[in-house]
Structure formats: C-alpha cells, structure tokens
C-alpha atoms as a PDB file:
ATOM      1  CA  MET A   1     -20.906  -0.665  22.076  1.00  0.00           C
ATOM      2  CA  LYS A   2     -20.138  -1.446  25.697  1.00  0.00           C
ATOM      3  CA  ILE A   3     -20.913  -5.006  26.828  1.00  0.00           C
ATOM      4  CA  LYS A   4     -21.719  -5.905  30.418  1.00  0.00           C
ATOM      5  CA  GLY A   5     -20.506  -9.298  31.552  1.00  0.00           C
ATOM      6  CA  LEU A   6     -19.006 -12.307  29.865  1.00  0.00           C
ATOM      7  CA  ARG A   7     -22.353 -13.906  28.911  1.00  0.00           C
ATOM      8  CA  SER A   8     -23.465 -10.669  27.233  1.00  0.00           C
ATOM      9  CA  TYR A   9     -20.162 -10.549  25.372  1.00  0.00           C
ATOM     10  CA  PHE A  10     -20.658 -14.050  23.990  1.00  0.00           C
ATOM     11  CA  ARG A  11     -24.338 -13.405  23.214  1.00  0.00           C
ATOM     12  CA  GLU A  12     -23.606 -10.207  21.298  1.00  0.00           C
ATOM     13  CA  LYS A  13     -20.248 -11.034  19.668  1.00  0.00           C
ATOM     14  CA  TRP A  14     -19.990 -14.798  19.178  1.00  0.00           C
ATOM     15  CA  LEU A  15     -23.540 -16.160  19.095  1.00  0.00           C
ATOM     16  CA  PRO A  16     -24.473 -14.364  15.836  1.00  0.00           C
ATOM     17  CA  LYS A  17     -21.355 -15.804  14.188  1.00  0.00           C
ATOM     18  CA  ALA A  18     -22.168 -19.309  15.445  1.00  0.00           C
ATOM     19  CA  LEU A  19     -25.732 -19.031  14.134  1.00  0.00           C
ATOM     20  CA  MET A  20     -24.429 -17.810  10.775  1.00  0.00           C
ATOM     21  CA  ILE A  21     -22.215 -20.884  10.341  1.00  0.00           C
ATOM     22  CA  GLY A  22     -25.080 -23.251  11.101  1.00  0.00           C
ATOM     23  CA  MET A  23     -24.876 -23.989  14.815  1.00  0.00           C
ATOM     24  CA  ARG A  24     -28.048 -24.053  16.878  1.00  0.00           C
ATOM     25  CA  GLU A  25     -28.107 -21.751  19.889  1.00  0.00           C
ATOM     26  CA  GLU A  26     -28.246 -24.726  22.276  1.00  0.00           C
ATOM     27  CA  GLN A  27     -25.122 -26.177  20.670  1.00  0.00           C
ATOM     28  CA  PHE A  28     -23.319 -22.877  21.013  1.00  0.00           C
ATOM     29  CA  TRP A  29     -23.924 -22.637  24.743  1.00  0.00           C
ATOM     30  CA  GLU A  30     -23.174 -26.300  25.426  1.00  0.00           C
ATOM     31  CA  THR A  31     -20.098 -26.891  23.270  1.00  0.00           C
ATOM     32  CA  ASN A  32     -16.387 -26.274  23.442  1.00  0.00           C
ATOM     33  CA  PRO A  33     -15.330 -23.383  21.144  1.00  0.00           C
ATOM     34  CA  ARG A  34     -12.908 -25.715  19.322  1.00  0.00           C
ATOM     35  CA  LYS A  35     -15.906 -27.729  18.141  1.00  0.00           C
ATOM     36  CA  MET A  36     -17.038 -24.717  16.113  1.00  0.00           C
ATOM     37  CA  LYS A  37     -14.168 -25.255  13.649  1.00  0.00           C
ATOM     38  CA  PRO A  38     -15.948 -27.893  11.477  1.00  0.00           C
ATOM     39  CA  TYR A  39     -19.015 -25.648  11.253  1.00  0.00           C
ATOM     40  CA  SER A  40     -16.819 -22.744  10.212  1.00  0.00           C
ATOM     41  CA  GLU A  41     -15.029 -24.847   7.583  1.00  0.00           C
ATOM     42  CA  ALA A  42     -18.342 -26.175   6.234  1.00  0.00           C
ATOM     43  CA  PHE A  43     -19.637 -22.605   5.990  1.00  0.00           C
ATOM     44  CA  LYS A  44     -16.515 -21.539   4.048  1.00  0.00           C
ATOM     45  CA  GLN A  45     -16.910 -24.485   1.661  1.00  0.00           C
ATOM     46  CA  LYS A  46     -20.578 -23.626   1.081  1.00  0.00           C
ATOM     47  CA  ARG A  47     -19.564 -20.036   0.309  1.00  0.00           C
ATOM     48  CA  MET A  48     -16.909 -21.224  -2.148  1.00  0.00           C
ATOM     49  CA  ILE A  49     -19.451 -23.423  -3.939  1.00  0.00           C
ATOM     50  CA  GLN A  50     -21.970 -20.562  -4.030  1.00  0.00           C
ATOM     51  CA  ASP A  51     -19.312 -18.218  -5.400  1.00  0.00           C
ATOM     52  CA  GLU A  52     -18.452 -20.711  -8.150  1.00  0.00           C
ATOM     53  CA  ASP A  53     -22.146 -21.150  -8.969  1.00  0.00           C
ATOM     54  CA  ASP A  54     -22.559 -17.366  -9.170  1.00  0.00           C
ATOM     55  CA  TRP A  55     -19.539 -17.180 -11.484  1.00  0.00           C
ATOM     56  CA  LYS A  56     -21.048 -19.859 -13.754  1.00  0.00           C
ATOM     57  CA  LEU A  57     -24.335 -17.955 -13.782  1.00  0.00           C
ATOM     58  CA  GLY A  58     -22.376 -14.946 -15.028  1.00  0.00           C
ATOM     59  CA  LEU A  59     -21.112 -17.049 -17.939  1.00  0.00           C
ATOM     60  CA  TYR A  60     -24.678 -17.986 -18.865  1.00  0.00           C
ATOM     61  CA  ILE A  61     -25.743 -14.342 -18.668  1.00  0.00           C
ATOM     62  CA  LYS A  62     -22.749 -13.279 -20.768  1.00  0.00           C
ATOM     63  CA  ALA A  63     -23.641 -15.898 -23.394  1.00  0.00           C
ATOM     64  CA  ALA A  64     -27.274 -14.781 -23.394  1.00  0.00           C
ATOM     65  CA  ILE A  65     -26.376 -11.118 -23.815  1.00  0.00           C
ATOM     66  CA  GLY A  66     -23.796 -11.946 -26.483  1.00  0.00           C
ATOM     67  CA  SER A  67     -26.338 -13.951 -28.472  1.00  0.00           C
ATOM     68  CA  ALA A  68     -28.993 -11.235 -28.071  1.00  0.00           C
ATOM     69  CA  LEU A  69     -26.676  -8.470 -29.291  1.00  0.00           C
ATOM     70  CA  ASP A  70     -25.107 -10.329 -32.196  1.00  0.00           C
ATOM     71  CA  LYS A  71     -27.021 -13.026 -34.059  1.00  0.00           C
ATOM     72  CA  ARG A  72     -23.719 -14.617 -35.133  1.00  0.00           C
ATOM     73  CA  ASN A  73     -23.224 -15.625 -31.494  1.00  0.00           C
ATOM     74  CA  LYS A  74     -25.616 -18.412 -30.718  1.00  0.00           C
ATOM     75  CA  TYR A  75     -26.582 -19.315 -27.182  1.00  0.00           C
ATOM     76  CA  LEU A  76     -25.040 -22.388 -25.550  1.00  0.00           C
ATOM     77  CA  ASP A  77     -26.265 -25.719 -26.890  1.00  0.00           C
ATOM     78  CA  LYS A  78     -25.864 -27.447 -23.523  1.00  0.00           C
ATOM     79  CA  PRO A  79     -24.845 -26.645 -19.958  1.00  0.00           C
ATOM     80  CA  ILE A  80     -21.277 -25.401 -19.510  1.00  0.00           C
ATOM     81  CA  MET A  81     -20.209 -28.274 -17.263  1.00  0.00           C
ATOM     82  CA  GLN A  82     -21.553 -30.848 -19.725  1.00  0.00           C
ATOM     83  CA  GLU A  83     -19.778 -29.087 -22.580  1.00  0.00           C
ATOM     84  CA  ALA A  84     -16.536 -29.024 -20.581  1.00  0.00           C
ATOM     85  CA  GLU A  85     -16.796 -32.746 -19.796  1.00  0.00           C
ATOM     86  CA  ASP A  86     -17.570 -33.583 -23.435  1.00  0.00           C
ATOM     87  CA  ASN A  87     -14.582 -31.470 -24.535  1.00  0.00           C
ATOM     88  CA  ARG A  88     -12.327 -33.102 -21.938  1.00  0.00           C
ATOM     89  CA  ILE A  89     -13.168 -36.534 -23.300  1.00  0.00           C
ATOM     90  CA  ILE A  90     -12.652 -35.379 -26.884  1.00  0.00           C
ATOM     91  CA  THR A  91      -9.480 -33.350 -26.267  1.00  0.00           C
ATOM     92  CA  ASP A  92      -7.712 -36.260 -24.600  1.00  0.00           C
ATOM     93  CA  THR A  93      -7.222 -37.597 -28.133  1.00  0.00           C
ATOM     94  CA  LEU A  94      -6.477 -34.283 -29.928  1.00  0.00           C
ATOM     95  CA  SER A  95      -3.205 -32.583 -30.807  1.00  0.00           C
ATOM     96  CA  GLU A  96      -2.355 -29.226 -29.202  1.00  0.00           C
ATOM     97  CA  GLU A  97      -3.530 -27.343 -32.308  1.00  0.00           C
ATOM     98  CA  GLU A  98      -6.827 -29.246 -32.336  1.00  0.00           C
ATOM     99  CA  GLN A  99      -7.270 -28.587 -28.611  1.00  0.00           C
ATOM    100  CA  GLU A 100      -6.718 -24.850 -29.178  1.00  0.00           C
ATOM    101  CA  ALA A 101      -9.262 -24.846 -32.016  1.00  0.00           C
ATOM    102  CA  ALA A 102     -11.772 -26.656 -29.787  1.00  0.00           C
ATOM    103  CA  ARG A 103     -11.158 -24.138 -26.980  1.00  0.00           C
ATOM    104  CA  ARG A 104     -11.718 -21.187 -29.334  1.00  0.00           C
ATOM    105  CA  LYS A 105     -14.898 -22.787 -30.697  1.00  0.00           C
ATOM    106  CA  MET A 106     -16.271 -23.286 -27.184  1.00  0.00           C
ATOM    107  CA  MET A 107     -15.417 -19.699 -26.209  1.00  0.00           C
ATOM    108  CA  MET A 108     -17.053 -18.372 -29.374  1.00  0.00           C
ATOM    109  CA  SER A 109     -20.198 -20.366 -28.591  1.00  0.00           C
ATOM    110  CA  MET A 110     -20.305 -18.526 -25.257  1.00  0.00           C
ATOM    111  CA  GLY A 111     -20.574 -15.208 -27.094  1.00  0.00           C
ATOM    112  CA  LEU A 112     -17.153 -13.853 -26.138  1.00  0.00           C
ATOM    113  CA  PRO A 113     -15.835 -10.998 -28.300  1.00  0.00           C
ATOM    114  CA  LYS A 114     -13.174 -11.954 -30.846  1.00  0.00           C
ATOM    115  CA  ALA A 115     -10.614  -9.734 -29.089  1.00  0.00           C
ATOM    116  CA  LEU A 116     -10.821 -11.929 -25.981  1.00  0.00           C
ATOM    117  CA  LEU A 117     -10.353 -15.081 -28.023  1.00  0.00           C
ATOM    118  CA  ASP A 118      -7.013 -13.874 -29.373  1.00  0.00           C
ATOM    119  CA  GLY A 119      -5.582 -13.042 -25.945  1.00  0.00           C
END
C-alpha cells in the first residue's frame, strides 16, 4: 500500500492503533506521540487481565466437563478465587504434607485426571 503524504501516513498507519488503545481521534491529532504511552500501557494491562480471565474460564469449563464425564468428579463448590483465598488462609497454619494434601484435594475437585495430580 502506497501512502501519499505525511497526514495520510499517520491516518492509515497510526490512527487505527491509537483508536485501538483507547484514544479519541481528536486526542490523537492534538497530542504529542509520547503521551500515547500511558494509553498503550493501559491497553496491555487490560489485555493481560482479559487473558487471565479467559484462562480462569477454561478452568471452569474443564471442571464442568470433568464432572459431566465422570460422576466421581463433582463440580466446584465455590468460585476458584474464593477457594484459593480460603485455602491460603487455611494453609498458612498447615504442615507441608497437609498443604500438599489440600492442593491435591482442590485439584481433584476441579475434575483434573489423576495422572495430572501425580505430576
């Protein structure tokens, strides 16, 4: 794609990126390019949070499928983050062996195959 002129270059190459990271078009044309950095960083952080949320969703789906395929695997009793916080509070007072047993129990409740629990 051949671009004619500097304004066309910025409109076709940089403006779409600025819009994607949350800048308004007016801001893009009126601001110093260095001021785009916080928008870019905020966009990256949002993507990281979304990626983590998607990963957690995968855990819920895995637990659901595991419980549907094998009745010995029951679905999660409470949200993963709540379970993790409850376990953190409890494991602060447990020995290493008790912590390992608690970890295995939590993983089993998520419907993970036994082979993964031993690894």
